[in-house]
Protein backbone atom coordinates (compact mmCIF):
# COMPACT_ATOMS: atom_id res chain seq x y z
CA MET A 1 -65.00 -112.28 92.74
CA GLN A 2 -64.17 -110.40 89.60
CA ASN A 3 -65.89 -111.17 86.39
CA ALA A 4 -62.98 -110.66 83.99
CA THR A 5 -61.15 -112.82 81.55
CA PRO A 6 -57.42 -112.43 80.96
CA LEU A 7 -56.41 -111.02 77.60
CA LEU A 8 -53.66 -112.84 75.80
CA ILE A 9 -51.50 -110.51 73.78
CA ASP A 10 -49.05 -112.10 71.41
CA THR A 11 -46.22 -109.62 71.01
CA GLN A 12 -42.67 -110.32 70.10
CA LEU A 13 -40.50 -108.70 72.75
CA GLU A 14 -36.91 -108.03 71.83
CA PRO A 15 -34.54 -109.79 74.18
CA ASP A 16 -32.44 -107.53 76.36
CA GLU A 17 -28.88 -107.22 75.23
CA PRO A 18 -26.43 -107.99 78.02
CA SER A 19 -24.39 -105.17 79.45
CA TYR A 20 -20.85 -105.36 78.18
CA SER A 21 -19.72 -102.15 79.83
CA PHE A 22 -19.01 -103.71 83.22
CA LEU A 23 -16.54 -106.18 81.72
CA GLY A 24 -14.81 -103.39 79.81
CA ALA A 25 -14.67 -101.01 82.76
CA THR A 26 -13.27 -103.70 85.03
CA SER A 27 -10.65 -104.80 82.53
CA GLY A 28 -9.61 -101.19 81.85
CA PHE A 29 -9.23 -100.54 85.59
CA VAL A 30 -7.24 -103.71 86.20
CA PHE A 31 -4.94 -103.11 83.25
CA TYR A 32 -4.38 -99.53 84.43
CA TRP A 33 -2.89 -100.83 87.66
CA LEU A 34 -0.90 -103.49 85.84
CA ALA A 35 0.48 -100.85 83.46
CA PHE A 36 1.36 -98.74 86.49
CA THR A 37 3.79 -101.46 87.61
CA VAL A 38 5.61 -101.77 84.26
CA PRO A 39 7.93 -98.75 84.80
CA PHE A 40 8.82 -100.09 88.25
CA MET A 41 9.76 -103.46 86.76
CA VAL A 42 11.83 -101.84 84.01
CA TYR A 43 13.55 -98.98 85.87
CA GLY A 44 13.33 -100.06 89.50
CA SER A 45 12.42 -98.05 92.58
CA ASN A 46 13.79 -94.76 91.21
CA THR A 47 10.61 -94.54 89.17
CA LEU A 48 8.78 -93.58 92.35
CA PHE A 49 10.50 -90.19 92.49
CA PHE A 50 9.56 -89.50 88.88
CA LEU A 51 5.94 -90.47 89.48
CA LEU A 52 5.72 -88.27 92.58
CA TYR A 53 6.13 -85.18 90.41
CA THR A 54 4.06 -86.33 87.44
CA TRP A 55 1.18 -88.13 89.17
CA PRO A 56 -1.62 -85.94 87.69
CA PHE A 57 -0.77 -87.14 84.18
CA PHE A 58 -0.93 -90.76 85.21
CA LEU A 59 -4.06 -90.24 87.27
CA ALA A 60 -5.75 -88.81 84.17
CA LEU A 61 -5.07 -92.11 82.41
CA MET A 62 -7.41 -94.01 84.75
CA PRO A 63 -10.71 -92.79 83.26
CA ALA A 64 -9.17 -93.04 79.79
CA SER A 65 -8.26 -96.67 80.48
CA VAL A 66 -11.76 -97.45 81.69
CA LEU A 67 -13.26 -95.83 78.59
CA VAL A 68 -10.89 -97.77 76.33
CA GLY A 69 -12.00 -100.98 78.02
CA ILE A 70 -15.69 -100.11 77.66
CA THR A 71 -15.21 -99.18 74.01
CA PHE A 72 -13.45 -102.42 73.12
CA SER A 73 -16.02 -104.45 75.04
CA MET A 74 -18.95 -102.79 73.29
CA VAL A 75 -17.39 -102.99 69.83
CA LEU A 76 -16.44 -106.64 70.25
CA ARG A 77 -19.85 -107.41 71.82
CA GLY A 78 -18.43 -109.06 74.92
CA ARG A 79 -15.88 -111.46 73.43
CA LEU A 80 -13.85 -111.91 76.57
CA ILE A 81 -10.42 -113.00 75.36
CA LEU A 82 -10.21 -110.49 72.51
CA THR A 83 -11.49 -107.69 74.75
CA LEU A 84 -8.88 -108.45 77.38
CA LEU A 85 -6.04 -108.67 74.86
CA LEU A 86 -6.89 -105.43 73.08
CA THR A 87 -7.66 -103.53 76.28
CA GLY A 88 -4.42 -104.68 77.86
CA ALA A 89 -2.34 -103.76 74.84
CA ALA A 90 -3.99 -100.36 74.42
CA VAL A 91 -3.77 -99.38 78.10
CA ILE A 92 -0.15 -100.48 78.48
CA CYS A 93 0.83 -98.65 75.28
CA LEU A 94 -1.04 -95.54 76.41
CA PHE A 95 0.65 -95.61 79.80
CA TRP A 96 4.07 -96.21 78.26
CA LEU A 97 3.51 -93.38 75.77
CA VAL A 98 2.80 -90.88 78.55
CA PHE A 99 5.75 -92.17 80.57
CA SER A 100 8.08 -91.82 77.57
CA PHE A 101 6.90 -88.31 76.72
CA LEU A 102 7.30 -87.09 80.29
CA SER A 103 10.68 -88.66 80.83
CA GLY A 104 12.05 -87.52 77.48
CA TRP A 105 13.23 -90.94 76.34
């Protein structure tokens, strides 16, 4: 049997801040795929031939979309509705901007 008494230390530990990056990354990824469908809904199946030749530009938008989602989620400190609205608008506008520049419209 040990002859020791427990020491009580009264320290104020800072609570851990929740991780908002997972919400942002997930929303950026989901909105990337939703934005990928917008040209198909607007211009139909002929968009596929255009995307076959320009796929590296649109593939480069995936990490950018995830980073946009993480940034909005961290800045807004996890407010779900506002994060989703701003991430969705930014990713769709970014995707449409690249599509418009490449197609010349």
